[in-house]
Amino acid sequence: MSPQVLGRVTDKGQAVAGVRVTRKLIYEGYEKGKEQTEYAITDTDGRFSFERKVIKSRMPGDIFGQNMPVLQSIYIEKNIKDIQGDDYYFLWSTSKSWDPIQPLSDLLLQLNADLQNKKVKHLIDATDYGGLPRQVVGSICHWQGELISTYYNNELITSYDEIT
C-alpha cells in the first residue's frame, strides 16, 4: 500500500517538533476498503517516518478488487482553516495503482515540507516505471526534476518563486 516514508516538517525553515503526522491508506481489495490509519510524531529536528506498509488482498481472484487504486494521504491537521478553507497541510495526496512506482517511492523518502509552502499539484511522468504519464500528487512539498511538472492554481510554474 505504501513504501517507506521519510520526511521533515519546518515552519519558515525552523524545525517543527511534536506535531502529529497522519498517514491514511485505502485499498478496496483489503478489508473492504477500510481506512488504514497510522500516526507519527515529529522529533526535535522535525523529522518523522512511516514503515513500509504491505498487505495481502482479502479478495483473491476478485478481478475488480485487484485493479482498484490505493488512496494515499499524509498530512498534518491545522489548528484553523486557511484562506482557501483547507483543514490540513497535505504532504502527500494521491491515488495510484497498488504496485510500487519508483519515482513516487523516491519522493516518499523526501517529504520535506515547510508549513509556509503553498499547496501545489505535481504531475509525475511515471510511464517508464509502469505508472501513468501524469500521476497527480498534491503536496506542500516542493520538488523539482525532469519527471515533475508543477502547477499552482492550474497554471504550470517553472519556479516556486512564482507563487510566493
N, C-alpha and C. Protein backbone atom coordinates (compact mmCIF):
# COMPACT_ATOMS: atom_id res chain seq x y z
N MET A 1 0.82 -1.20 0.00
CA MET A 1 0.00 0.00 0.00
C MET A 1 0.85 1.25 0.00
N SER A 2 2.03 1.16 0.65
CA SER A 2 2.91 2.33 0.70
C SER A 2 4.33 1.89 0.98
N PRO A 3 5.30 2.48 0.26
CA PRO A 3 6.69 2.23 0.62
C PRO A 3 7.04 3.00 1.89
N GLN A 4 8.26 2.86 2.33
CA GLN A 4 8.73 3.62 3.50
C GLN A 4 8.59 5.11 3.23
N VAL A 5 8.31 5.87 4.28
CA VAL A 5 8.17 7.32 4.19
C VAL A 5 9.15 7.97 5.15
N LEU A 6 9.89 8.97 4.66
CA LEU A 6 10.77 9.78 5.49
C LEU A 6 10.49 11.24 5.19
N GLY A 7 10.40 12.06 6.22
CA GLY A 7 10.13 13.46 5.97
C GLY A 7 10.56 14.36 7.10
N ARG A 8 10.40 15.65 6.86
CA ARG A 8 10.76 16.66 7.84
C ARG A 8 9.79 17.82 7.69
N VAL A 9 9.34 18.35 8.82
CA VAL A 9 8.42 19.48 8.82
C VAL A 9 9.13 20.69 9.42
N THR A 10 9.05 21.81 8.69
CA THR A 10 9.60 23.07 9.17
C THR A 10 8.55 24.16 9.03
N ASP A 11 8.80 25.27 9.70
CA ASP A 11 7.96 26.46 9.57
C ASP A 11 8.91 27.64 9.44
N LYS A 12 8.93 28.24 8.28
CA LYS A 12 9.88 29.30 7.96
C LYS A 12 11.31 28.82 8.15
N GLY A 13 11.55 27.55 7.80
CA GLY A 13 12.89 26.97 7.89
C GLY A 13 13.26 26.39 9.24
N GLN A 14 12.47 26.62 10.27
CA GLN A 14 12.76 26.11 11.61
C GLN A 14 12.02 24.79 11.85
N ALA A 15 12.69 23.83 12.45
CA ALA A 15 12.10 22.52 12.72
C ALA A 15 10.83 22.66 13.56
N VAL A 16 9.83 21.85 13.22
CA VAL A 16 8.58 21.81 13.98
C VAL A 16 8.56 20.47 14.72
N ALA A 17 8.72 20.52 16.04
CA ALA A 17 8.77 19.30 16.86
C ALA A 17 7.42 19.04 17.50
N GLY A 18 7.14 17.75 17.72
CA GLY A 18 5.95 17.36 18.47
C GLY A 18 4.64 17.45 17.72
N VAL A 19 4.69 17.50 16.39
CA VAL A 19 3.48 17.58 15.58
C VAL A 19 3.08 16.18 15.12
N ARG A 20 1.79 15.89 15.16
CA ARG A 20 1.31 14.58 14.72
C ARG A 20 1.09 14.58 13.21
N VAL A 21 1.75 13.64 12.54
CA VAL A 21 1.61 13.44 11.10
C VAL A 21 0.77 12.18 10.92
N THR A 22 -0.23 12.25 10.06
CA THR A 22 -1.15 11.14 9.83
C THR A 22 -0.93 10.56 8.44
N ARG A 23 -0.90 9.22 8.35
CA ARG A 23 -0.89 8.55 7.05
C ARG A 23 -2.16 7.72 6.96
N LYS A 24 -2.94 7.96 5.91
CA LYS A 24 -4.15 7.18 5.66
C LYS A 24 -4.01 6.49 4.32
N LEU A 25 -4.33 5.20 4.33
CA LEU A 25 -4.26 4.38 3.13
C LEU A 25 -5.59 3.66 2.97
N ILE A 26 -6.10 3.63 1.75
CA ILE A 26 -7.35 2.93 1.48
C ILE A 26 -7.16 2.11 0.21
N TYR A 27 -7.53 0.83 0.31
CA TYR A 27 -7.48 -0.07 -0.84
C TYR A 27 -8.69 -0.98 -0.75
N GLU A 28 -9.53 -0.93 -1.76
CA GLU A 28 -10.78 -1.71 -1.74
C GLU A 28 -10.52 -3.21 -1.62
N GLY A 29 -9.36 -3.67 -2.07
CA GLY A 29 -9.02 -5.09 -2.01
C GLY A 29 -8.58 -5.56 -0.63
N TYR A 30 -8.57 -4.69 0.37
CA TYR A 30 -8.15 -5.06 1.73
C TYR A 30 -9.20 -4.60 2.72
N GLU A 31 -9.74 -5.53 3.46
CA GLU A 31 -10.76 -5.25 4.47
C GLU A 31 -11.88 -4.36 3.94
N LYS A 32 -12.31 -4.69 2.70
CA LYS A 32 -13.42 -3.97 2.05
C LYS A 32 -13.22 -2.46 2.02
N GLY A 33 -11.99 -2.03 1.84
CA GLY A 33 -11.70 -0.62 1.72
C GLY A 33 -11.62 0.13 3.03
N LYS A 34 -11.54 -0.60 4.15
CA LYS A 34 -11.43 0.07 5.45
C LYS A 34 -10.14 0.90 5.50
N GLU A 35 -10.28 2.12 5.93
CA GLU A 35 -9.16 3.05 6.02
C GLU A 35 -8.10 2.52 7.00
N GLN A 36 -6.85 2.52 6.57
CA GLN A 36 -5.73 2.13 7.42
C GLN A 36 -5.03 3.42 7.85
N THR A 37 -5.06 3.73 9.14
CA THR A 37 -4.53 4.99 9.63
C THR A 37 -3.38 4.75 10.60
N GLU A 38 -2.31 5.51 10.41
CA GLU A 38 -1.15 5.46 11.30
C GLU A 38 -0.73 6.88 11.63
N TYR A 39 -0.01 7.03 12.75
CA TYR A 39 0.44 8.34 13.19
C TYR A 39 1.93 8.30 13.51
N ALA A 40 2.57 9.44 13.31
CA ALA A 40 3.96 9.63 13.71
C ALA A 40 4.04 11.02 14.33
N ILE A 41 4.97 11.20 15.25
CA ILE A 41 5.21 12.49 15.89
C ILE A 41 6.58 12.99 15.45
N THR A 42 6.65 14.25 15.03
CA THR A 42 7.94 14.80 14.61
C THR A 42 8.89 14.90 15.81
N ASP A 43 10.16 14.62 15.58
CA ASP A 43 11.17 14.71 16.65
C ASP A 43 11.66 16.16 16.78
N THR A 44 12.68 16.39 17.57
CA THR A 44 13.16 17.75 17.82
C THR A 44 13.71 18.43 16.56
N ASP A 45 14.07 17.63 15.55
CA ASP A 45 14.55 18.19 14.29
C ASP A 45 13.43 18.24 13.24
N GLY A 46 12.18 17.94 13.65
CA GLY A 46 11.04 17.98 12.74
C GLY A 46 10.90 16.74 11.87
N ARG A 47 11.72 15.72 12.13
CA ARG A 47 11.70 14.51 11.29
C ARG A 47 10.64 13.51 11.76
N PHE A 48 10.13 12.76 10.78
CA PHE A 48 9.15 11.71 11.05
C PHE A 48 9.35 10.60 10.02
N SER A 49 8.76 9.45 10.29
CA SER A 49 8.84 8.34 9.33
C SER A 49 7.67 7.39 9.53
N PHE A 50 7.41 6.63 8.47
CA PHE A 50 6.46 5.53 8.50
C PHE A 50 7.13 4.34 7.85
N GLU A 51 6.92 3.17 8.42
CA GLU A 51 7.46 1.95 7.83
C GLU A 51 6.68 1.60 6.57
N ARG A 52 7.27 0.80 5.73
CA ARG A 52 6.61 0.28 4.54
C ARG A 52 5.36 -0.48 4.96
N LYS A 53 4.28 -0.31 4.24
CA LYS A 53 3.01 -0.98 4.55
C LYS A 53 2.68 -1.93 3.41
N VAL A 54 2.72 -3.24 3.70
CA VAL A 54 2.42 -4.27 2.71
C VAL A 54 1.23 -5.05 3.22
N ILE A 55 0.28 -5.32 2.34
CA ILE A 55 -0.89 -6.12 2.72
C ILE A 55 -1.13 -7.17 1.64
N LYS A 56 -1.94 -8.14 2.00
CA LYS A 56 -2.40 -9.12 1.03
C LYS A 56 -3.89 -8.92 0.85
N SER A 57 -4.34 -9.00 -0.38
CA SER A 57 -5.75 -8.79 -0.66
C SER A 57 -6.58 -9.83 0.06
N ARG A 58 -7.68 -9.40 0.62
CA ARG A 58 -8.64 -10.31 1.24
C ARG A 58 -9.64 -10.82 0.21
N MET A 59 -9.45 -10.41 -1.05
CA MET A 59 -10.36 -10.83 -2.10
C MET A 59 -9.57 -11.46 -3.25
N PRO A 60 -8.80 -12.55 -2.97
CA PRO A 60 -8.03 -13.15 -4.05
C PRO A 60 -8.96 -13.63 -5.16
N GLY A 61 -8.56 -13.41 -6.37
CA GLY A 61 -9.36 -13.82 -7.52
C GLY A 61 -10.46 -12.83 -7.87
N ASP A 62 -10.65 -11.81 -7.08
CA ASP A 62 -11.65 -10.79 -7.39
C ASP A 62 -11.06 -9.89 -8.46
N ILE A 63 -11.56 -10.05 -9.68
CA ILE A 63 -10.97 -9.30 -10.79
C ILE A 63 -11.16 -7.80 -10.64
N PHE A 64 -12.14 -7.38 -9.85
CA PHE A 64 -12.36 -5.95 -9.67
C PHE A 64 -11.48 -5.40 -8.56
N GLY A 65 -11.36 -6.09 -7.43
CA GLY A 65 -10.59 -5.62 -6.30
C GLY A 65 -9.12 -5.44 -6.61
N GLN A 66 -8.56 -6.33 -7.44
CA GLN A 66 -7.13 -6.24 -7.72
C GLN A 66 -6.77 -5.03 -8.56
N ASN A 67 -7.73 -4.46 -9.24
CA ASN A 67 -7.45 -3.29 -10.08
C ASN A 67 -7.84 -1.98 -9.43
N MET A 68 -8.28 -2.02 -8.19
CA MET A 68 -8.67 -0.80 -7.50
C MET A 68 -7.43 0.00 -7.12
N PRO A 69 -7.50 1.32 -7.17
CA PRO A 69 -6.34 2.13 -6.78
C PRO A 69 -6.16 2.17 -5.27
N VAL A 70 -4.95 2.50 -4.88
CA VAL A 70 -4.65 2.75 -3.47
C VAL A 70 -4.71 4.26 -3.27
N LEU A 71 -5.51 4.70 -2.33
CA LEU A 71 -5.59 6.11 -1.99
C LEU A 71 -4.61 6.35 -0.85
N GLN A 72 -3.69 7.28 -1.04
CA GLN A 72 -2.67 7.58 -0.04
C GLN A 72 -2.75 9.05 0.34
N SER A 73 -2.76 9.32 1.63
CA SER A 73 -2.64 10.72 2.06
C SER A 73 -1.80 10.78 3.33
N ILE A 74 -0.95 11.77 3.37
CA ILE A 74 -0.11 12.04 4.54
C ILE A 74 -0.26 13.53 4.81
N TYR A 75 -0.66 13.84 6.03
CA TYR A 75 -0.98 15.24 6.31
C TYR A 75 -0.81 15.59 7.78
N ILE A 76 -0.85 16.89 8.04
CA ILE A 76 -0.84 17.45 9.39
C ILE A 76 -2.11 18.26 9.51
N GLU A 77 -2.84 18.09 10.60
CA GLU A 77 -4.04 18.88 10.81
C GLU A 77 -3.67 20.30 11.21
N LYS A 78 -4.43 21.26 10.68
CA LYS A 78 -4.23 22.66 11.03
C LYS A 78 -5.09 23.00 12.24
N ASN A 79 -4.67 23.96 13.02
CA ASN A 79 -5.48 24.43 14.15
C ASN A 79 -6.67 25.24 13.66
N ILE A 80 -6.49 25.94 12.56
CA ILE A 80 -7.57 26.73 11.98
C ILE A 80 -7.54 26.54 10.47
N LYS A 81 -8.65 26.82 9.83
CA LYS A 81 -8.69 26.75 8.37
C LYS A 81 -7.94 27.93 7.79
N ASP A 82 -7.31 27.69 6.64
CA ASP A 82 -6.63 28.79 5.98
C ASP A 82 -7.60 29.54 5.07
N ILE A 83 -7.10 30.50 4.37
CA ILE A 83 -7.93 31.34 3.50
C ILE A 83 -8.69 30.49 2.47
N GLN A 84 -8.06 29.43 2.00
CA GLN A 84 -8.69 28.57 1.00
C GLN A 84 -9.64 27.56 1.64
N GLY A 85 -9.77 27.58 2.96
CA GLY A 85 -10.68 26.67 3.64
C GLY A 85 -10.11 25.29 3.91
N ASP A 86 -8.80 25.13 3.75
CA ASP A 86 -8.18 23.82 3.98
C ASP A 86 -7.98 23.55 5.47
N ASP A 87 -8.30 22.34 5.89
CA ASP A 87 -8.11 21.91 7.28
C ASP A 87 -6.76 21.23 7.50
N TYR A 88 -6.07 20.91 6.42
CA TYR A 88 -4.86 20.10 6.51
C TYR A 88 -3.71 20.70 5.70
N TYR A 89 -2.50 20.42 6.17
CA TYR A 89 -1.30 20.62 5.37
C TYR A 89 -1.05 19.27 4.72
N PHE A 90 -1.30 19.14 3.44
CA PHE A 90 -1.07 17.87 2.77
C PHE A 90 0.39 17.76 2.35
N LEU A 91 1.07 16.75 2.90
CA LEU A 91 2.43 16.46 2.48
C LEU A 91 2.41 15.52 1.28
N TRP A 92 1.31 14.75 1.16
CA TRP A 92 1.19 13.77 0.09
C TRP A 92 -0.27 13.41 -0.07
N SER A 93 -0.76 13.47 -1.28
CA SER A 93 -2.13 13.05 -1.56
C SER A 93 -2.18 12.55 -2.99
N THR A 94 -2.49 11.26 -3.15
CA THR A 94 -2.54 10.68 -4.49
C THR A 94 -3.41 9.44 -4.51
N SER A 95 -3.75 9.01 -5.69
CA SER A 95 -4.42 7.75 -5.94
C SER A 95 -3.58 7.04 -6.99
N LYS A 96 -3.14 5.83 -6.69
CA LYS A 96 -2.22 5.14 -7.59
C LYS A 96 -2.52 3.66 -7.64
N SER A 97 -1.89 2.96 -8.55
CA SER A 97 -2.04 1.51 -8.61
C SER A 97 -1.40 0.89 -7.37
N TRP A 98 -1.75 -0.33 -7.08
CA TRP A 98 -1.27 -0.98 -5.86
C TRP A 98 0.20 -1.36 -5.93
N ASP A 99 0.76 -1.49 -7.14
CA ASP A 99 2.18 -1.87 -7.23
C ASP A 99 3.08 -0.66 -7.10
N PRO A 100 4.32 -0.86 -6.61
CA PRO A 100 5.25 0.27 -6.41
C PRO A 100 5.61 0.95 -7.73
N ILE A 101 5.75 2.26 -7.69
CA ILE A 101 6.17 3.05 -8.84
C ILE A 101 7.38 3.85 -8.36
N GLN A 102 8.54 3.55 -8.90
CA GLN A 102 9.81 4.07 -8.37
C GLN A 102 9.86 5.58 -8.17
N PRO A 103 9.47 6.41 -9.14
CA PRO A 103 9.57 7.85 -8.88
C PRO A 103 8.72 8.30 -7.68
N LEU A 104 7.57 7.67 -7.49
CA LEU A 104 6.72 8.02 -6.35
C LEU A 104 7.35 7.53 -5.05
N SER A 105 7.89 6.32 -5.06
CA SER A 105 8.58 5.79 -3.88
C SER A 105 9.75 6.69 -3.49
N ASP A 106 10.47 7.20 -4.48
CA ASP A 106 11.60 8.09 -4.21
C ASP A 106 11.13 9.38 -3.54
N LEU A 107 10.02 9.94 -4.01
CA LEU A 107 9.51 11.18 -3.42
C LEU A 107 9.03 10.97 -1.98
N LEU A 108 8.52 9.77 -1.68
CA LEU A 108 8.07 9.49 -0.32
C LEU A 108 9.23 9.41 0.67
N LEU A 109 10.44 9.33 0.18
CA LEU A 109 11.63 9.38 1.03
C LEU A 109 12.13 10.81 1.21
N GLN A 110 11.40 11.77 0.60
CA GLN A 110 11.79 13.19 0.64
C GLN A 110 10.59 14.08 0.95
N LEU A 111 9.76 13.69 1.91
CA LEU A 111 8.60 14.50 2.27
C LEU A 111 9.03 15.63 3.19
N ASN A 112 9.78 16.55 2.64
CA ASN A 112 10.29 17.69 3.40
C ASN A 112 9.43 18.90 3.05
N ALA A 113 8.72 19.40 4.04
CA ALA A 113 7.74 20.46 3.78
C ALA A 113 7.86 21.59 4.78
N ASP A 114 7.76 22.79 4.28
CA ASP A 114 7.66 23.96 5.15
C ASP A 114 6.19 24.35 5.21
N LEU A 115 5.70 24.61 6.40
CA LEU A 115 4.28 24.92 6.57
C LEU A 115 3.87 26.21 5.86
N GLN A 116 4.84 27.02 5.47
CA GLN A 116 4.55 28.25 4.73
C GLN A 116 4.39 28.00 3.22
N ASN A 117 4.77 26.81 2.76
CA ASN A 117 4.66 26.50 1.33
C ASN A 117 3.20 26.45 0.91
N LYS A 118 2.96 26.88 -0.30
CA LYS A 118 1.63 26.77 -0.89
C LYS A 118 1.44 25.35 -1.41
N LYS A 119 0.20 24.85 -1.32
CA LYS A 119 -0.09 23.53 -1.87
C LYS A 119 -0.08 23.62 -3.39
N VAL A 120 0.62 22.68 -4.00
CA VAL A 120 0.73 22.62 -5.45
C VAL A 120 0.32 21.23 -5.93
N LYS A 121 0.16 21.13 -7.22
CA LYS A 121 -0.14 19.84 -7.84
C LYS A 121 1.06 19.46 -8.70
N HIS A 122 1.65 18.31 -8.39
CA HIS A 122 2.76 17.80 -9.19
C HIS A 122 2.21 16.73 -10.13
N LEU A 123 2.64 16.78 -11.37
CA LEU A 123 2.34 15.71 -12.31
C LEU A 123 3.65 14.99 -12.58
N ILE A 124 3.68 13.72 -12.17
CA ILE A 124 4.90 12.93 -12.28
C ILE A 124 4.77 12.01 -13.49
N ASP A 125 5.74 12.05 -14.38
CA ASP A 125 5.73 11.16 -15.54
C ASP A 125 6.36 9.83 -15.11
N ALA A 126 5.51 8.85 -14.86
CA ALA A 126 5.99 7.55 -14.38
C ALA A 126 5.85 6.47 -15.45
N THR A 127 5.71 6.86 -16.70
CA THR A 127 5.49 5.90 -17.79
C THR A 127 6.61 4.87 -17.91
N ASP A 128 7.84 5.30 -17.78
CA ASP A 128 8.97 4.37 -17.91
C ASP A 128 9.10 3.43 -16.71
N TYR A 129 8.25 3.60 -15.71
CA TYR A 129 8.31 2.79 -14.48
C TYR A 129 7.01 2.02 -14.25
N GLY A 130 6.18 1.89 -15.29
CA GLY A 130 4.94 1.15 -15.18
C GLY A 130 3.77 1.97 -14.64
N GLY A 131 3.96 3.26 -14.52
CA GLY A 131 2.91 4.12 -14.00
C GLY A 131 2.27 4.96 -15.09
N LEU A 132 1.56 5.97 -14.65
CA LEU A 132 0.85 6.86 -15.56
C LEU A 132 1.77 7.96 -16.10
N PRO A 133 1.43 8.51 -17.26
CA PRO A 133 2.23 9.62 -17.78
C PRO A 133 2.01 10.91 -16.98
N ARG A 134 0.89 10.98 -16.25
CA ARG A 134 0.57 12.17 -15.47
C ARG A 134 0.03 11.75 -14.10
N GLN A 135 0.88 11.15 -13.27
CA GLN A 135 0.49 10.75 -11.92
C GLN A 135 0.39 12.00 -11.06
N VAL A 136 -0.80 12.29 -10.54
CA VAL A 136 -1.04 13.51 -9.78
C VAL A 136 -0.70 13.31 -8.31
N VAL A 137 0.08 14.24 -7.76
CA VAL A 137 0.40 14.26 -6.33
C VAL A 137 0.18 15.69 -5.84
N GLY A 138 -0.74 15.86 -4.87
CA GLY A 138 -0.94 17.16 -4.25
C GLY A 138 -0.06 17.25 -3.01
N SER A 139 0.61 18.40 -2.81
CA SER A 139 1.54 18.48 -1.69
C SER A 139 1.99 19.91 -1.41
N ILE A 140 2.43 20.14 -0.17
CA ILE A 140 3.15 21.37 0.15
C ILE A 140 4.65 21.13 0.07
N CYS A 141 5.05 19.90 -0.26
CA CYS A 141 6.47 19.62 -0.53
C CYS A 141 6.76 20.16 -1.92
N HIS A 142 7.88 20.81 -2.07
CA HIS A 142 8.23 21.40 -3.35
C HIS A 142 9.41 20.65 -3.94
N TRP A 143 9.11 19.80 -4.93
CA TRP A 143 10.14 19.01 -5.60
C TRP A 143 10.38 19.55 -6.99
N GLN A 144 11.54 19.22 -7.53
CA GLN A 144 11.86 19.54 -8.90
C GLN A 144 12.55 18.34 -9.51
N GLY A 145 12.47 18.21 -10.82
CA GLY A 145 13.12 17.12 -11.52
C GLY A 145 12.56 16.98 -12.91
N GLU A 146 13.28 16.23 -13.74
CA GLU A 146 12.87 16.12 -15.14
C GLU A 146 11.54 15.38 -15.31
N LEU A 147 11.13 14.57 -14.34
CA LEU A 147 9.86 13.85 -14.44
C LEU A 147 8.69 14.61 -13.82
N ILE A 148 8.96 15.79 -13.25
CA ILE A 148 7.96 16.52 -12.47
C ILE A 148 7.57 17.83 -13.15
N SER A 149 6.26 18.00 -13.36
CA SER A 149 5.70 19.29 -13.79
C SER A 149 4.85 19.77 -12.62
N THR A 150 4.98 21.04 -12.25
CA THR A 150 4.29 21.56 -11.08
C THR A 150 3.30 22.65 -11.48
N TYR A 151 2.11 22.56 -10.88
CA TYR A 151 1.03 23.51 -11.17
C TYR A 151 0.56 24.16 -9.89
N TYR A 152 0.26 25.45 -9.97
CA TYR A 152 -0.35 26.19 -8.88
C TYR A 152 -1.55 26.92 -9.47
N ASN A 153 -2.70 26.73 -8.86
CA ASN A 153 -3.95 27.29 -9.40
C ASN A 153 -4.13 26.93 -10.87
N ASN A 154 -3.83 25.67 -11.18
CA ASN A 154 -3.98 25.11 -12.52
C ASN A 154 -3.09 25.75 -13.59
N GLU A 155 -2.05 26.45 -13.17
CA GLU A 155 -1.10 27.03 -14.12
C GLU A 155 0.28 26.43 -13.88
N LEU A 156 0.92 26.02 -14.96
CA LEU A 156 2.27 25.46 -14.89
C LEU A 156 3.23 26.53 -14.38
N ILE A 157 4.05 26.15 -13.40
CA ILE A 157 5.06 27.07 -12.90
C ILE A 157 6.44 26.49 -13.18
N THR A 158 7.42 27.36 -13.36
CA THR A 158 8.79 26.91 -13.61
C THR A 158 9.67 27.12 -12.39
N SER A 159 9.16 27.93 -11.42
CA SER A 159 9.89 28.20 -10.20
C SER A 159 8.90 28.43 -9.07
N TYR A 160 9.25 27.99 -7.88
CA TYR A 160 8.38 28.20 -6.73
C TYR A 160 8.32 29.69 -6.33
N ASP A 161 9.28 30.48 -6.80
CA ASP A 161 9.24 31.91 -6.55
C ASP A 161 8.01 32.56 -7.18
N GLU A 162 7.43 31.91 -8.19
CA GLU A 162 6.25 32.45 -8.85
C GLU A 162 5.01 32.44 -7.97
N ILE A 163 5.03 31.67 -6.87
CA ILE A 163 3.82 31.55 -6.04
C ILE A 163 3.99 32.09 -4.64
N THR A 164 5.09 32.76 -4.36
CA THR A 164 5.28 33.29 -3.00
C THR A 164 4.53 34.58 -2.79
